[in-house]
């Protein structure tokens, strides 16, 4: 079974299990389904339900209707399967990033596309999970961990927020953050990152705010702590 991002926890994902469509269930299939899956299941069920083989006319007609409905369902939703498959590199990169964050004692937020479960099933729907934010503030994190986090940065397209406040990150690690394509919010307060580099990161195309770009603000923060 493909692991979820985060690891399976129904309460944290905030959703309830979605039942298979009735026609798909009647044919004994699990999501996701293709037209070929439906046809194979239909031939098996139709033989079992046929009046000449111990079934009944009503049962046979039910299987026929289930076949028609399931074929339409597969046609409508089968187009999503190639799209789900194309997300594999992103899924792997997000999983690796989440595991790194957990090892460092940090936290992360995943956005799950719950509506996909009714189309492709729970396991395949997890492939479309989106890693939105990471919080490593106050953790024993340095340049090595940031370099590991950004090793496959191109496949972290949904990561928008990164909190590195009060970590040991310096310029070598911070320079790699520019590889994150859609990073919007970054907290470098209390780090070893130079102020010129902090201001440079604030000018990245997608960046909306970088916390900790003011020397004066940092000085006041240290004085009050």
N, C-alpha and C. Protein backbone atom coordinates (compact mmCIF):
# COMPACT_ATOMS: atom_id res chain seq x y z
N UNK A 1 0.84 -1.20 0.00
CA UNK A 1 0.00 0.00 0.00
C UNK A 1 0.88 1.25 0.00
N UNK A 2 0.58 2.17 -0.87
CA UNK A 2 1.36 3.40 -0.96
C UNK A 2 1.15 4.26 0.27
N UNK A 3 2.23 4.70 0.94
CA UNK A 3 2.06 5.51 2.14
C UNK A 3 1.49 6.87 1.81
N UNK A 4 0.73 7.40 2.76
CA UNK A 4 0.15 8.73 2.59
C UNK A 4 1.15 9.79 3.00
N UNK A 5 0.87 11.00 2.58
CA UNK A 5 1.57 12.18 3.05
C UNK A 5 0.56 13.05 3.77
N UNK A 6 0.60 13.16 5.07
CA UNK A 6 1.48 12.48 6.01
C UNK A 6 1.09 11.02 6.16
N UNK A 7 1.82 10.25 7.00
CA UNK A 7 1.47 8.85 7.21
C UNK A 7 0.00 8.72 7.57
N UNK A 8 -0.64 7.60 7.19
CA UNK A 8 -2.09 7.46 7.33
C UNK A 8 -2.60 7.84 8.70
N UNK A 9 -3.52 8.78 8.73
CA UNK A 9 -4.16 9.23 9.96
C UNK A 9 -5.45 9.91 9.54
N UNK A 10 -6.54 9.19 9.61
CA UNK A 10 -7.80 9.71 9.08
C UNK A 10 -8.20 11.01 9.75
N UNK A 11 -7.94 11.15 11.07
CA UNK A 11 -8.35 12.37 11.75
C UNK A 11 -7.56 13.56 11.26
N UNK A 12 -6.27 13.37 10.98
CA UNK A 12 -5.44 14.50 10.55
C UNK A 12 -5.75 14.89 9.12
N UNK A 13 -6.19 13.93 8.29
CA UNK A 13 -6.53 14.24 6.92
C UNK A 13 -7.90 14.91 6.84
N UNK A 14 -8.70 14.76 7.88
CA UNK A 14 -9.96 15.49 7.94
C UNK A 14 -10.98 15.05 6.92
N UNK A 15 -11.09 13.75 6.68
CA UNK A 15 -12.11 13.31 5.75
C UNK A 15 -12.65 11.96 6.18
N UNK A 16 -13.75 11.58 5.62
CA UNK A 16 -14.32 10.27 5.86
C UNK A 16 -14.17 9.44 4.62
N UNK A 17 -14.18 8.12 4.80
CA UNK A 17 -14.00 7.22 3.68
C UNK A 17 -15.15 7.35 2.68
N UNK A 18 -14.85 7.42 1.42
CA UNK A 18 -15.86 7.58 0.38
C UNK A 18 -16.13 6.22 -0.25
N UNK A 19 -17.42 5.85 -0.33
CA UNK A 19 -17.78 4.56 -0.88
C UNK A 19 -17.60 4.55 -2.38
N UNK A 20 -17.40 3.33 -2.90
CA UNK A 20 -17.33 3.17 -4.34
C UNK A 20 -18.70 3.44 -4.95
N UNK A 21 -18.75 3.92 -6.19
CA UNK A 21 -20.04 4.06 -6.87
C UNK A 21 -20.76 2.71 -6.88
N UNK A 22 -22.07 2.73 -6.79
CA UNK A 22 -22.85 1.50 -6.67
C UNK A 22 -22.59 0.53 -7.82
N UNK A 23 -22.50 1.08 -9.04
CA UNK A 23 -22.29 0.21 -10.20
C UNK A 23 -20.94 -0.49 -10.13
N UNK A 24 -19.92 0.25 -9.69
CA UNK A 24 -18.59 -0.33 -9.55
C UNK A 24 -18.59 -1.40 -8.47
N UNK A 25 -19.28 -1.12 -7.38
CA UNK A 25 -19.36 -2.09 -6.28
C UNK A 25 -20.13 -3.33 -6.70
N UNK A 26 -21.19 -3.14 -7.48
CA UNK A 26 -22.01 -4.28 -7.93
C UNK A 26 -21.19 -5.25 -8.77
N UNK A 27 -20.20 -4.74 -9.49
CA UNK A 27 -19.36 -5.59 -10.32
C UNK A 27 -18.14 -6.12 -9.55
N UNK A 28 -18.06 -5.77 -8.27
CA UNK A 28 -16.97 -6.29 -7.44
C UNK A 28 -15.62 -5.66 -7.72
N UNK A 29 -15.62 -4.41 -8.19
CA UNK A 29 -14.38 -3.74 -8.54
C UNK A 29 -13.97 -2.74 -7.47
N UNK A 30 -12.69 -2.43 -7.43
CA UNK A 30 -12.15 -1.39 -6.56
C UNK A 30 -11.64 -0.24 -7.42
N UNK A 31 -11.64 0.95 -6.85
CA UNK A 31 -11.13 2.11 -7.57
C UNK A 31 -9.61 2.11 -7.57
N UNK A 32 -8.99 2.64 -8.63
CA UNK A 32 -9.59 3.18 -9.84
C UNK A 32 -9.96 2.08 -10.82
N UNK A 33 -10.86 2.38 -11.74
CA UNK A 33 -11.28 1.38 -12.73
C UNK A 33 -11.12 1.94 -14.14
N UNK A 34 -10.82 1.04 -15.06
CA UNK A 34 -10.78 1.38 -16.48
C UNK A 34 -11.93 0.67 -17.18
N UNK A 35 -12.18 1.04 -18.42
CA UNK A 35 -13.23 0.37 -19.19
C UNK A 35 -12.93 -1.12 -19.33
N UNK A 36 -11.66 -1.46 -19.48
CA UNK A 36 -11.28 -2.87 -19.61
C UNK A 36 -11.58 -3.63 -18.32
N UNK A 37 -11.33 -2.99 -17.18
CA UNK A 37 -11.66 -3.62 -15.89
C UNK A 37 -13.15 -3.92 -15.81
N UNK A 38 -13.95 -2.93 -16.25
CA UNK A 38 -15.41 -3.08 -16.18
C UNK A 38 -15.87 -4.23 -17.08
N UNK A 39 -15.32 -4.31 -18.27
CA UNK A 39 -15.73 -5.36 -19.21
C UNK A 39 -15.39 -6.75 -18.67
N UNK A 40 -14.19 -6.89 -18.11
CA UNK A 40 -13.79 -8.19 -17.57
C UNK A 40 -14.69 -8.60 -16.40
N UNK A 41 -14.97 -7.64 -15.52
CA UNK A 41 -15.83 -7.94 -14.38
C UNK A 41 -17.24 -8.26 -14.83
N UNK A 42 -17.70 -7.55 -15.86
CA UNK A 42 -19.06 -7.78 -16.36
C UNK A 42 -19.23 -9.20 -16.88
N UNK A 43 -18.28 -9.67 -17.67
CA UNK A 43 -18.39 -11.02 -18.23
C UNK A 43 -18.49 -12.06 -17.12
N UNK A 44 -17.72 -11.85 -16.06
CA UNK A 44 -17.76 -12.79 -14.94
C UNK A 44 -19.10 -12.73 -14.22
N UNK A 45 -19.56 -11.51 -13.91
CA UNK A 45 -20.82 -11.36 -13.18
C UNK A 45 -22.01 -11.78 -14.04
N UNK A 46 -21.94 -11.49 -15.33
CA UNK A 46 -23.06 -11.84 -16.22
C UNK A 46 -23.23 -13.35 -16.30
N UNK A 47 -22.13 -14.08 -16.35
CA UNK A 47 -22.22 -15.55 -16.38
C UNK A 47 -22.86 -16.07 -15.10
N UNK A 48 -22.46 -15.48 -13.97
CA UNK A 48 -23.01 -15.94 -12.69
C UNK A 48 -24.49 -15.61 -12.55
N UNK A 49 -24.91 -14.46 -13.12
CA UNK A 49 -26.29 -14.01 -12.95
C UNK A 49 -27.23 -14.52 -14.03
N UNK A 50 -26.71 -15.13 -15.08
CA UNK A 50 -27.55 -15.56 -16.20
C UNK A 50 -28.53 -16.63 -15.74
N UNK A 51 -29.80 -16.52 -16.15
CA UNK A 51 -30.82 -17.51 -15.74
C UNK A 51 -30.44 -18.94 -16.09
N UNK A 52 -29.72 -19.14 -17.19
CA UNK A 52 -29.34 -20.49 -17.59
C UNK A 52 -28.25 -21.07 -16.70
N UNK A 53 -27.65 -20.24 -15.86
CA UNK A 53 -26.56 -20.71 -14.99
C UNK A 53 -26.93 -20.58 -13.51
N UNK A 54 -28.21 -20.55 -13.24
CA UNK A 54 -28.65 -20.52 -11.86
C UNK A 54 -29.01 -19.15 -11.33
N UNK A 55 -28.85 -18.13 -12.17
CA UNK A 55 -29.22 -16.78 -11.76
C UNK A 55 -30.68 -16.50 -12.05
N UNK A 56 -31.02 -15.23 -12.09
CA UNK A 56 -32.40 -14.84 -12.39
C UNK A 56 -32.39 -13.70 -13.39
N UNK A 57 -33.53 -13.49 -14.02
CA UNK A 57 -33.63 -12.41 -15.00
C UNK A 57 -33.38 -11.06 -14.36
N UNK A 58 -33.96 -10.84 -13.18
CA UNK A 58 -33.79 -9.54 -12.51
C UNK A 58 -32.33 -9.31 -12.14
N UNK A 59 -31.67 -10.36 -11.67
CA UNK A 59 -30.26 -10.23 -11.30
C UNK A 59 -29.40 -9.95 -12.53
N UNK A 60 -29.73 -10.62 -13.63
CA UNK A 60 -28.98 -10.41 -14.87
C UNK A 60 -29.15 -8.98 -15.37
N UNK A 61 -30.38 -8.46 -15.27
CA UNK A 61 -30.63 -7.08 -15.70
C UNK A 61 -29.91 -6.08 -14.80
N UNK A 62 -29.80 -6.39 -13.52
CA UNK A 62 -29.06 -5.53 -12.60
C UNK A 62 -27.59 -5.45 -12.99
N UNK A 63 -27.02 -6.59 -13.35
CA UNK A 63 -25.62 -6.62 -13.77
C UNK A 63 -25.44 -5.83 -15.06
N UNK A 64 -26.41 -5.96 -15.98
CA UNK A 64 -26.33 -5.23 -17.24
C UNK A 64 -26.36 -3.72 -16.99
N UNK A 65 -27.26 -3.29 -16.08
CA UNK A 65 -27.34 -1.87 -15.77
C UNK A 65 -26.07 -1.38 -15.08
N UNK A 66 -25.53 -2.23 -14.20
CA UNK A 66 -24.28 -1.87 -13.52
C UNK A 66 -23.16 -1.72 -14.53
N UNK A 67 -23.15 -2.59 -15.53
CA UNK A 67 -22.13 -2.51 -16.58
C UNK A 67 -22.24 -1.17 -17.32
N UNK A 68 -23.45 -0.82 -17.73
CA UNK A 68 -23.64 0.44 -18.47
C UNK A 68 -23.19 1.64 -17.65
N UNK A 69 -23.59 1.65 -16.37
CA UNK A 69 -23.25 2.78 -15.50
C UNK A 69 -21.75 2.82 -15.22
N UNK A 70 -21.15 1.65 -15.00
CA UNK A 70 -19.72 1.60 -14.68
C UNK A 70 -18.87 2.00 -15.88
N UNK A 71 -19.30 1.63 -17.08
CA UNK A 71 -18.57 2.04 -18.28
C UNK A 71 -18.57 3.56 -18.41
N UNK A 72 -19.72 4.17 -18.19
CA UNK A 72 -19.81 5.63 -18.25
C UNK A 72 -18.93 6.27 -17.19
N UNK A 73 -18.93 5.68 -16.01
CA UNK A 73 -18.10 6.19 -14.92
C UNK A 73 -16.62 6.11 -15.29
N UNK A 74 -16.21 4.97 -15.85
CA UNK A 74 -14.81 4.78 -16.24
C UNK A 74 -14.41 5.75 -17.34
N UNK A 75 -15.31 6.02 -18.26
CA UNK A 75 -15.01 6.96 -19.34
C UNK A 75 -14.80 8.37 -18.79
N UNK A 76 -15.66 8.75 -17.84
CA UNK A 76 -15.56 10.10 -17.28
C UNK A 76 -14.30 10.29 -16.45
N UNK A 77 -13.97 9.26 -15.67
CA UNK A 77 -12.91 9.43 -14.69
C UNK A 77 -11.58 8.79 -15.07
N UNK A 78 -11.59 7.94 -16.09
CA UNK A 78 -10.36 7.27 -16.49
C UNK A 78 -9.29 8.23 -16.97
N UNK A 79 -9.71 9.40 -17.46
CA UNK A 79 -8.74 10.38 -17.95
C UNK A 79 -7.84 10.90 -16.84
N UNK A 80 -8.28 10.75 -15.60
CA UNK A 80 -7.47 11.26 -14.49
C UNK A 80 -6.30 10.34 -14.15
N UNK A 81 -6.36 9.08 -14.58
CA UNK A 81 -5.30 8.14 -14.21
C UNK A 81 -3.93 8.54 -14.75
N UNK A 82 -3.81 8.94 -16.04
CA UNK A 82 -2.49 9.39 -16.50
C UNK A 82 -1.99 10.60 -15.73
N UNK A 83 -2.93 11.49 -15.37
CA UNK A 83 -2.55 12.68 -14.59
C UNK A 83 -2.01 12.27 -13.23
N UNK A 84 -2.69 11.32 -12.57
CA UNK A 84 -2.22 10.83 -11.28
C UNK A 84 -0.82 10.23 -11.42
N UNK A 85 -0.62 9.45 -12.48
CA UNK A 85 0.69 8.84 -12.71
C UNK A 85 1.78 9.86 -12.90
N UNK A 86 1.44 10.99 -13.53
CA UNK A 86 2.45 12.02 -13.78
C UNK A 86 2.90 12.71 -12.50
N UNK A 87 2.14 12.53 -11.42
CA UNK A 87 2.47 13.17 -10.15
C UNK A 87 3.48 12.37 -9.32
N UNK A 88 3.90 11.21 -9.82
CA UNK A 88 4.79 10.35 -9.05
C UNK A 88 6.07 11.06 -8.60
N UNK A 89 6.78 11.81 -9.48
CA UNK A 89 8.01 12.49 -9.01
C UNK A 89 7.74 13.50 -7.90
N UNK A 90 6.61 14.20 -8.00
CA UNK A 90 6.25 15.17 -6.96
C UNK A 90 5.93 14.45 -5.66
N UNK A 91 5.20 13.35 -5.77
CA UNK A 91 4.84 12.58 -4.59
C UNK A 91 6.09 12.09 -3.86
N UNK A 92 7.05 11.57 -4.60
CA UNK A 92 8.28 11.04 -4.00
C UNK A 92 9.07 12.17 -3.33
N UNK A 93 9.19 13.31 -4.02
CA UNK A 93 9.94 14.44 -3.45
C UNK A 93 9.27 14.96 -2.19
N UNK A 94 7.94 15.03 -2.19
CA UNK A 94 7.22 15.50 -1.01
C UNK A 94 7.35 14.51 0.14
N UNK A 95 7.30 13.23 -0.18
CA UNK A 95 7.45 12.21 0.86
C UNK A 95 8.83 12.32 1.51
N UNK A 96 9.87 12.48 0.68
CA UNK A 96 11.23 12.60 1.21
C UNK A 96 11.37 13.85 2.08
N UNK A 97 10.76 14.95 1.62
CA UNK A 97 10.82 16.19 2.40
C UNK A 97 10.10 16.03 3.73
N UNK A 98 8.95 15.39 3.71
CA UNK A 98 8.18 15.19 4.94
C UNK A 98 8.95 14.31 5.92
N UNK A 99 9.61 13.28 5.41
CA UNK A 99 10.40 12.41 6.28
C UNK A 99 11.57 13.17 6.90
N UNK A 100 12.20 14.05 6.12
CA UNK A 100 13.29 14.86 6.64
C UNK A 100 12.79 15.78 7.76
N UNK A 101 11.67 16.42 7.53
CA UNK A 101 11.10 17.33 8.54
C UNK A 101 10.79 16.57 9.82
N UNK A 102 10.23 15.38 9.69
CA UNK A 102 9.91 14.58 10.87
C UNK A 102 11.17 14.18 11.63
N UNK A 103 12.23 13.83 10.89
CA UNK A 103 13.49 13.45 11.55
C UNK A 103 14.06 14.62 12.35
N UNK A 104 13.84 15.82 11.85
CA UNK A 104 14.36 17.02 12.51
C UNK A 104 13.44 17.53 13.61
N UNK A 105 12.29 16.89 13.77
CA UNK A 105 11.36 17.31 14.81
C UNK A 105 10.46 18.46 14.42
N UNK A 106 10.40 18.77 13.13
CA UNK A 106 9.55 19.86 12.66
C UNK A 106 8.15 19.39 12.31
N UNK A 107 7.38 20.29 11.75
CA UNK A 107 6.01 19.97 11.35
C UNK A 107 5.78 20.42 9.91
N UNK A 108 4.74 19.87 9.31
CA UNK A 108 4.40 20.26 7.94
C UNK A 108 2.89 20.17 7.76
N UNK A 109 2.41 20.84 6.74
CA UNK A 109 0.98 20.85 6.44
C UNK A 109 0.76 20.28 5.04
N UNK A 110 -0.16 19.33 4.96
CA UNK A 110 -0.50 18.69 3.69
C UNK A 110 -1.93 19.08 3.31
N UNK A 111 -2.11 19.45 2.07
CA UNK A 111 -3.45 19.68 1.53
C UNK A 111 -3.84 18.46 0.70
N UNK A 112 -4.90 17.79 1.12
CA UNK A 112 -5.35 16.58 0.43
C UNK A 112 -6.54 16.90 -0.47
N UNK A 113 -6.51 16.39 -1.70
CA UNK A 113 -7.63 16.55 -2.62
C UNK A 113 -8.62 15.41 -2.38
N UNK A 114 -9.40 15.55 -1.32
CA UNK A 114 -10.27 14.45 -0.88
C UNK A 114 -11.27 14.01 -1.95
N UNK A 115 -11.69 14.94 -2.80
CA UNK A 115 -12.70 14.59 -3.80
C UNK A 115 -12.19 13.53 -4.77
N UNK A 116 -10.86 13.37 -4.87
CA UNK A 116 -10.31 12.38 -5.79
C UNK A 116 -10.56 10.94 -5.33
N UNK A 117 -10.79 10.77 -4.03
CA UNK A 117 -10.96 9.41 -3.51
C UNK A 117 -12.12 8.69 -4.17
N UNK A 118 -13.20 9.42 -4.44
CA UNK A 118 -14.35 8.81 -5.07
C UNK A 118 -14.13 8.50 -6.53
N UNK A 119 -13.01 8.95 -7.08
CA UNK A 119 -12.70 8.73 -8.49
C UNK A 119 -11.65 7.66 -8.69
N UNK A 120 -10.56 7.76 -7.94
CA UNK A 120 -9.43 6.86 -8.17
C UNK A 120 -9.08 6.00 -6.96
N UNK A 121 -9.82 6.17 -5.86
CA UNK A 121 -9.52 5.39 -4.66
C UNK A 121 -8.58 6.13 -3.73
N UNK A 122 -8.57 5.73 -2.47
CA UNK A 122 -7.82 6.45 -1.43
C UNK A 122 -6.32 6.45 -1.69
N UNK A 123 -5.76 5.29 -2.04
CA UNK A 123 -4.31 5.20 -2.22
C UNK A 123 -3.83 6.06 -3.38
N UNK A 124 -4.55 6.00 -4.50
CA UNK A 124 -4.14 6.81 -5.65
C UNK A 124 -4.38 8.29 -5.38
N UNK A 125 -5.43 8.62 -4.65
CA UNK A 125 -5.70 10.03 -4.33
C UNK A 125 -4.57 10.63 -3.52
N UNK A 126 -3.92 9.81 -2.69
CA UNK A 126 -2.80 10.30 -1.88
C UNK A 126 -1.65 10.79 -2.75
N UNK A 127 -1.58 10.30 -3.99
CA UNK A 127 -0.53 10.75 -4.91
C UNK A 127 -0.66 12.23 -5.23
N UNK A 128 -1.87 12.77 -5.05
CA UNK A 128 -2.10 14.18 -5.38
C UNK A 128 -2.01 15.09 -4.16
N UNK A 129 -1.64 14.54 -3.00
CA UNK A 129 -1.46 15.38 -1.81
C UNK A 129 -0.45 16.49 -2.09
N UNK A 130 -0.66 17.64 -1.46
CA UNK A 130 0.20 18.80 -1.71
C UNK A 130 0.88 19.27 -0.42
N UNK A 131 2.19 19.26 -0.43
CA UNK A 131 2.97 19.75 0.71
C UNK A 131 2.99 21.27 0.64
N UNK A 132 2.27 21.93 1.57
CA UNK A 132 2.07 23.38 1.49
C UNK A 132 3.03 24.18 2.36
N UNK A 133 3.34 23.68 3.55
CA UNK A 133 4.21 24.46 4.44
C UNK A 133 5.05 23.56 5.32
N UNK A 134 6.21 24.10 5.72
CA UNK A 134 7.14 23.39 6.59
C UNK A 134 7.58 24.34 7.70
N UNK A 135 7.59 23.84 8.92
CA UNK A 135 8.03 24.64 10.08
C UNK A 135 9.16 23.89 10.79
N UNK A 136 10.36 24.44 10.69
CA UNK A 136 11.53 23.86 11.35
C UNK A 136 12.10 24.81 12.39
N UNK A 137 11.32 25.79 12.78
CA UNK A 137 11.81 26.82 13.70
C UNK A 137 12.27 26.21 15.02
N UNK A 138 13.44 26.67 15.47
CA UNK A 138 13.97 26.23 16.74
C UNK A 138 14.52 24.82 16.76
N UNK A 139 14.59 24.19 15.61
CA UNK A 139 15.09 22.82 15.53
C UNK A 139 16.58 22.81 15.19
N UNK A 140 17.28 21.72 15.50
CA UNK A 140 18.71 21.64 15.19
C UNK A 140 18.96 21.41 13.71
N UNK A 141 18.63 22.42 12.94
CA UNK A 141 18.70 22.33 11.48
C UNK A 141 19.76 23.29 10.97
N UNK A 142 20.61 22.81 10.06
CA UNK A 142 21.65 23.65 9.47
C UNK A 142 21.63 23.57 7.96
N UNK A 143 22.73 23.99 7.35
CA UNK A 143 22.81 24.03 5.89
C UNK A 143 22.65 22.65 5.26
N UNK A 144 23.18 21.63 5.91
CA UNK A 144 23.11 20.28 5.34
C UNK A 144 21.66 19.84 5.18
N UNK A 145 20.83 20.13 6.18
CA UNK A 145 19.42 19.72 6.10
C UNK A 145 18.67 20.52 5.03
N UNK A 146 18.98 21.81 4.91
CA UNK A 146 18.32 22.63 3.88
C UNK A 146 18.73 22.16 2.49
N UNK A 147 19.99 21.79 2.34
CA UNK A 147 20.45 21.29 1.05
C UNK A 147 19.75 19.97 0.70
N UNK A 148 19.55 19.14 1.71
CA UNK A 148 18.83 17.89 1.48
C UNK A 148 17.37 18.17 1.12
N UNK A 149 16.78 19.13 1.81
CA UNK A 149 15.38 19.48 1.56
C UNK A 149 15.18 19.99 0.13
N UNK A 150 16.14 20.75 -0.37
CA UNK A 150 16.00 21.36 -1.69
C UNK A 150 16.68 20.56 -2.80
N UNK A 151 17.11 19.34 -2.50
CA UNK A 151 17.82 18.53 -3.50
C UNK A 151 16.95 18.30 -4.74
N UNK A 152 15.65 18.17 -4.53
CA UNK A 152 14.72 17.97 -5.65
C UNK A 152 13.66 19.07 -5.60
N UNK A 153 14.13 20.31 -5.49
CA UNK A 153 13.24 21.45 -5.27
C UNK A 153 12.20 21.62 -6.37
N UNK A 154 12.56 21.30 -7.60
CA UNK A 154 11.62 21.48 -8.71
C UNK A 154 10.36 20.64 -8.53
N UNK A 155 10.47 19.56 -7.76
CA UNK A 155 9.31 18.70 -7.52
C UNK A 155 8.64 19.00 -6.18
N UNK A 156 8.85 20.23 -5.69
CA UNK A 156 8.11 20.73 -4.52
C UNK A 156 7.34 21.98 -4.94
N UNK A 157 6.50 21.87 -5.96
CA UNK A 157 5.85 23.05 -6.54
C UNK A 157 4.76 23.66 -5.67
N UNK A 158 4.29 22.93 -4.66
CA UNK A 158 3.20 23.44 -3.84
C UNK A 158 3.67 24.02 -2.52
N UNK A 159 4.97 23.92 -2.24
CA UNK A 159 5.51 24.44 -0.99
C UNK A 159 5.53 25.97 -1.03
N UNK A 160 4.73 26.59 -0.17
CA UNK A 160 4.58 28.04 -0.17
C UNK A 160 5.16 28.71 1.07
N UNK A 161 5.31 27.97 2.15
CA UNK A 161 5.75 28.59 3.40
C UNK A 161 6.83 27.73 4.06
N UNK A 162 7.92 28.40 4.48
CA UNK A 162 9.04 27.71 5.12
C UNK A 162 9.53 28.55 6.29
N UNK A 163 9.48 27.96 7.48
CA UNK A 163 9.91 28.66 8.70
C UNK A 163 11.22 28.05 9.19
N UNK A 164 12.29 28.84 9.09
CA UNK A 164 13.62 28.40 9.54
C UNK A 164 14.11 29.25 10.71
N UNK A 165 13.21 29.96 11.36
CA UNK A 165 13.60 30.86 12.45
C UNK A 165 14.34 30.11 13.55
N UNK A 166 15.39 30.77 14.07
CA UNK A 166 16.16 30.23 15.20
C UNK A 166 16.78 28.87 14.89
N UNK A 167 17.22 28.70 13.66
CA UNK A 167 17.97 27.50 13.29
C UNK A 167 19.41 27.90 13.01
N UNK A 168 20.23 26.93 12.63
CA UNK A 168 21.64 27.18 12.36
C UNK A 168 21.93 27.40 10.88
N UNK A 169 20.90 27.66 10.12
CA UNK A 169 21.05 27.84 8.67
C UNK A 169 21.84 29.11 8.37
N UNK A 170 22.79 28.99 7.43
CA UNK A 170 23.58 30.13 7.00
C UNK A 170 23.43 30.35 5.51
N UNK A 171 24.33 31.12 4.94
CA UNK A 171 24.24 31.46 3.52
C UNK A 171 24.29 30.25 2.58
N UNK A 172 25.16 29.25 2.82
CA UNK A 172 25.20 28.11 1.89
C UNK A 172 23.85 27.42 1.72
N UNK A 173 23.15 27.24 2.83
CA UNK A 173 21.84 26.60 2.75
C UNK A 173 20.78 27.54 2.20
N UNK A 174 20.80 28.80 2.64
CA UNK A 174 19.79 29.76 2.22
C UNK A 174 19.85 30.03 0.72
N UNK A 175 21.03 29.96 0.15
CA UNK A 175 21.15 30.19 -1.29
C UNK A 175 20.38 29.16 -2.09
N UNK A 176 20.20 27.98 -1.52
CA UNK A 176 19.48 26.91 -2.22
C UNK A 176 17.97 27.14 -2.22
N UNK A 177 17.49 28.03 -1.36
CA UNK A 177 16.05 28.25 -1.27
C UNK A 177 15.47 28.88 -2.53
N UNK A 178 16.32 29.53 -3.31
CA UNK A 178 15.84 30.13 -4.55
C UNK A 178 15.38 29.08 -5.55
N UNK A 179 15.72 27.81 -5.29
CA UNK A 179 15.30 26.73 -6.18
C UNK A 179 13.85 26.33 -5.98
N UNK A 180 13.28 26.70 -4.85
CA UNK A 180 11.88 26.36 -4.58
C UNK A 180 11.00 27.27 -5.43
N UNK A 181 10.29 26.72 -6.41
CA UNK A 181 9.65 27.55 -7.44
C UNK A 181 8.53 28.46 -6.98
N UNK A 182 7.79 28.07 -5.94
CA UNK A 182 6.62 28.85 -5.54
C UNK A 182 6.63 29.24 -4.07
N UNK A 183 7.82 29.37 -3.51
CA UNK A 183 7.93 29.77 -2.10
C UNK A 183 7.47 31.22 -1.95
N UNK A 184 6.50 31.44 -1.05
CA UNK A 184 5.91 32.77 -0.87
C UNK A 184 6.26 33.41 0.47
N UNK A 185 6.40 32.57 1.49
CA UNK A 185 6.66 33.10 2.83
C UNK A 185 7.85 32.36 3.44
N UNK A 186 8.81 33.14 3.96
CA UNK A 186 10.04 32.58 4.49
C UNK A 186 10.41 33.32 5.77
N UNK A 187 10.74 32.57 6.81
CA UNK A 187 11.16 33.18 8.08
C UNK A 187 12.61 32.79 8.35
N UNK A 188 13.49 33.80 8.33
CA UNK A 188 14.92 33.59 8.59
C UNK A 188 15.36 34.30 9.86
N UNK A 189 14.41 34.67 10.69
CA UNK A 189 14.72 35.36 11.94
C UNK A 189 15.62 34.50 12.82
N UNK A 190 16.68 35.11 13.33
CA UNK A 190 17.56 34.40 14.25
C UNK A 190 18.46 33.37 13.61
N UNK A 191 18.61 33.42 12.30
CA UNK A 191 19.51 32.48 11.61
C UNK A 191 20.86 33.15 11.35
N UNK A 192 21.77 32.40 10.73
CA UNK A 192 23.09 32.92 10.39
C UNK A 192 23.14 33.49 8.98
N UNK A 193 22.00 33.55 8.32
CA UNK A 193 21.95 34.05 6.95
C UNK A 193 22.26 35.54 6.93
N UNK A 194 23.13 35.95 6.03
CA UNK A 194 23.52 37.36 5.94
C UNK A 194 22.33 38.21 5.50
N UNK A 195 22.32 39.46 5.92
CA UNK A 195 21.20 40.34 5.59
C UNK A 195 21.11 40.64 4.10
N UNK A 196 22.23 40.81 3.38
CA UNK A 196 22.11 41.01 1.93
C UNK A 196 21.42 39.83 1.24
N UNK A 197 21.72 38.61 1.69
CA UNK A 197 21.08 37.44 1.08
C UNK A 197 19.61 37.37 1.46
N UNK A 198 19.28 37.74 2.67
CA UNK A 198 17.87 37.76 3.08
C UNK A 198 17.07 38.70 2.17
N UNK A 199 17.63 39.87 1.93
CA UNK A 199 16.93 40.84 1.08
C UNK A 199 16.87 40.37 -0.37
N UNK A 200 17.89 39.63 -0.78
CA UNK A 200 17.90 39.08 -2.14
C UNK A 200 16.80 38.03 -2.29
N UNK A 201 16.63 37.20 -1.28
CA UNK A 201 15.58 36.18 -1.32
C UNK A 201 14.20 36.82 -1.32
N UNK A 202 14.08 37.98 -0.69
CA UNK A 202 12.79 38.68 -0.65
C UNK A 202 12.36 39.16 -2.04
N UNK A 203 13.30 39.19 -2.98
CA UNK A 203 13.00 39.67 -4.33
C UNK A 203 12.69 38.55 -5.31
N UNK A 204 12.67 37.31 -4.83
CA UNK A 204 12.34 36.20 -5.71
C UNK A 204 10.93 36.40 -6.29
N UNK A 205 10.70 35.95 -7.52
CA UNK A 205 9.42 36.23 -8.21
C UNK A 205 8.17 35.87 -7.43
N UNK A 206 8.16 34.70 -6.79
CA UNK A 206 6.95 34.26 -6.10
C UNK A 206 6.89 34.74 -4.65
N UNK A 207 8.00 35.26 -4.13
CA UNK A 207 8.07 35.59 -2.71
C UNK A 207 7.18 36.78 -2.36
N UNK A 208 6.41 36.61 -1.28
CA UNK A 208 5.55 37.68 -0.79
C UNK A 208 6.11 38.34 0.47
N UNK A 209 6.77 37.54 1.31
CA UNK A 209 7.30 38.12 2.55
C UNK A 209 8.42 37.27 3.11
N UNK A 210 9.50 37.94 3.51
CA UNK A 210 10.61 37.28 4.22
C UNK A 210 10.74 37.94 5.58
N UNK A 211 10.57 37.15 6.61
CA UNK A 211 10.70 37.66 7.98
C UNK A 211 12.17 37.65 8.37
N UNK A 212 12.63 38.76 8.98
CA UNK A 212 14.01 38.82 9.46
C UNK A 212 14.96 39.52 8.53
N UNK A 213 14.46 40.45 7.72
CA UNK A 213 15.35 41.17 6.80
C UNK A 213 15.91 42.45 7.41
N UNK A 214 15.42 42.84 8.59
CA UNK A 214 15.85 44.09 9.22
C UNK A 214 16.89 43.83 10.31
N UNK A 215 18.06 44.46 10.18
CA UNK A 215 19.09 44.36 11.22
C UNK A 215 18.56 44.93 12.55
N UNK A 216 17.85 46.04 12.44
CA UNK A 216 17.31 46.69 13.63
C UNK A 216 16.32 45.77 14.34
N UNK A 217 15.47 45.14 13.56
CA UNK A 217 14.50 44.22 14.15
C UNK A 217 15.17 43.04 14.83
N UNK A 218 16.23 42.52 14.22
CA UNK A 218 16.96 41.41 14.82
C UNK A 218 17.65 41.84 16.11
N UNK A 219 18.20 43.05 16.10
CA UNK A 219 18.88 43.56 17.30
C UNK A 219 17.88 43.71 18.44
N UNK A 220 16.71 44.26 18.16
CA UNK A 220 15.68 44.41 19.19
C UNK A 220 15.22 43.05 19.71
N UNK A 221 15.13 42.11 18.81
CA UNK A 221 14.69 40.77 19.21
C UNK A 221 15.69 40.12 20.15
N UNK A 222 16.98 40.24 19.82
CA UNK A 222 18.02 39.66 20.68
C UNK A 222 18.06 40.36 22.04
N UNK A 223 17.85 41.66 22.02
CA UNK A 223 17.92 42.44 23.26
C UNK A 223 16.77 42.07 24.19
N UNK A 224 15.60 41.80 23.62
CA UNK A 224 14.43 41.50 24.45
C UNK A 224 14.38 40.04 24.90
N UNK A 225 15.20 39.20 24.27
CA UNK A 225 15.16 37.77 24.63
C UNK A 225 16.04 37.47 25.84
